[in-house]
Amino acid sequence: MAPNSVVVTLEKAENISLIEVNDQPSARSKFQEKQKSASPKQFTWLLLLKANRIAACIPWLAMSLLTIFGSIKKRIASSNPNEDDPRYKGRLYVFIKVFLAVSVVALLIEMFAYYNKWDLSLVNPWEVPNLVQWCYMAWLSFRVEYVAPLIVTLSKFCIVLFMIQSLDRLVQCLGCFWVKLRRLKPVMEPYDIEDGSSYPMVLIQIPMCNEKEVFEQSIGAVCQLDWPKDRFLVQVLDDSDDELLQHLIRDEVMSWKEKGVNIVYRHRFIRTGYKAGNLKSAMTCEYVKDYEFVTIFDADFQPNPDFLKLTVPHFKGKPDLGLVQARWSFVNKDENLLTRLQNINLCFHFEVEQQVNGLFLNFFGFNGTAGVWRIKALEESGGWLERTTVEDMDIAVRAHLNGWKFIFLNDVKVLCELPESYEAYKKQQHRWHSGPMQLFRLCLPAILSSKISTSKKANLIFLFFLLRKLVLPFYSFTLFCIILPLTMFVPEAELPAWVICYVPIVMSILNILPAPKSFPFLMPYLLFENTMSVTKFNAMISGLFQLGSAYEWVVTKKTGRASESDLVSLAERETKNLNEEKIQRRLSESGLEMLGKLSEQKEQKAPVVKKKNKIYRKELALAFLLLTAATRSLLSAQGIHFYYLLFQGLTFLVVGLDLIGEQVS
């Protein structure tokens, strides 16, 4: 019995062990079966939840799209085709329209070939099943052999220019870093405060033309400069063609003259030469020979009282110094997206370009305002000339060729305004980029024949004019607005990602460093700069070849904003009353005449010209071109190219509909 019992025990043990071993996998399998049966239900619920969230977002997206399309429809409906800029009828606009039409046709053909799954491996014409596919295969062969090499050559040329310009910008940034590291800046020797006769005679000029919003605050700021009253004279150079405004400005001058300020009012009856003609006329006055320096402020500039004490002493003991330039600061830099992007550009211009060139080369382009000139330097350089729309750059180049040196003061700032509307900014940029090309054509013989060193000649020709004024707008428009969308239809000439994305982002970061608070606007800045390339390229071409719009001069619109935004509405409410009070306190004949004109204007109900935002057809055509190219890039699965073309196209669309700057309700 004992062995049997042992055997039974062993059998039970074995059975138990077998049961335990066999039971474990069966339990696991049951658990896995439960999981499998539960997971589809959970997945279904998850999909339903996501679908519910998406469905909740659909009305919001629909309303947003309807609002956007509604504003676009209103903008298009409110535009007047008869007010189109004649430049839109030029060759560049025609070229963009033809390019857009060809791109749309090419996109339709590519989509037809893609969805019909034409076999591109069929290189033998006899294997192609139909004539349409045969034509498509013939185009592909022609594209690979002839079109792609041409585009690759042009793109390589533009990339080389792009890299040279990027290297120049990097060197300038390194120079700015060195200036900050070594704390380099010009040193001045102040005048004796107690001895007023030691202060030199300074002539201050305020040229203006129909700038009713800002004349009062600029005249007031200049008249309060901290300088001996008998050692400076203010010239208000009024080129306004509005008689009402002329009387207002003259009355403002008389009120400051009664307060003891040495100030005169000048008005030209023959208004030729724009700002250069105005300044040239003022310098012919007999009393100018009594003054050693001349300071220029545009009508929207408001210098601090210590401006002259921070600038004029730099001339002391430096007989070869011709110009001291101060930096601009902006009262409305945070007004809208357009002013924020302008602030980035101008901060880089002053803190990097002007400061580095001033310290290491003693030369830079005069900014046309907020600067002090030695009158002897102006006279020896030929004075103000009316031959271009950039008279400030013209006199700076001629003074440099005559051996005069310049100083830039980055820590002396003068308050002014930025254009708040895209229309005003576009016209300003057109003048700033067409003028240098006019000047380059006129100055090149004088540069080559001048007595300055070869290195200074090379800097003027290759860096100052060609690289920064010609190459920059050329490659930015050609590479990013023409070649890039073209390569979407010619994939064999595809641009590398580092050209489209990485290098531009690095350069934009360098540009934005002087304005660190603007880092959130890095991508809008990059896209907007490429958008402005069409305006700058058009201006550069018109200036280089002396086309019709090259000599266009439009005074940049001002708003008359004070340093505190709350003062704006107050000033607008009180302007009318203040003007009438000024007229009433004047008993002169001109004052009575002015009052009569005001009364007449009240009686006459003149039609009110409504301001409205415009539509810019070049930008819109480029928007549709880039969006077409972005659609084509989807067929080739080009990720970075698609996103760049998409966002750049949308940026062109926003700018073309004038949705970026001041909006008129």
Foldseek 3Di string as FASTA:
>chain_A
DVVVVVVVVVVVVVVVVVCVVVVVVVVVVVVVVVVVVVVVVVVVVVVVVVVVVVVVCVVVVVVVVVVVVVLLVVLVVPFDPVPDDPCCVDPVVVVLLVLLVVLVVLLVLVVVCLVVVDDLVPQDLVPDDDDSVSVVNVVLVCLVPPVQVVLLVVLVVLVVLVVVLLVVLVVLLVLLVVCVVVVDAADFDFDDPVDLVRDFAEEEEEEDEPFLQFQLQQVVLVQLAPHPQVRYEYEYQYAYPDVLSLLLNQLSQVVSVVVVHRYDYDYDPDDPLDPLVSVVVVCPDPCVVRGFKYAYAYRFWRFHNCLCRVFVRSCPPPVQAFKEAEAEDELCCPVFQVSVLVVLQRLCCQSRVVQSCCVPPLADFFPRHRMMGGVVLCVVLPHFDSQALRSRRLSRVSSVLVRHGYHYDHPRYIYGHDFFFPVLVLLVLLRVQLRLLLSCVVCVVVLVPGPDDPVVSCCVNPPVRPSPRPSVLVSLCCNPLPSLLVCLSSVSNHDDPCSLPVSLLVSLVSSRVSPVVCVVCSVVSSLVVSLSSVSSNVSNVCNNVVNDCRRDDDPRHDNNADSDNVVSVVCVVCVVVVSLVSLVVDPDPSSVVSVVVVVVVVVDPDDDDADADHAASSLLSSLSSLQSSLVSNVSVVPPSSNVSSNVSSVSSVCVRSRNGGDGGD
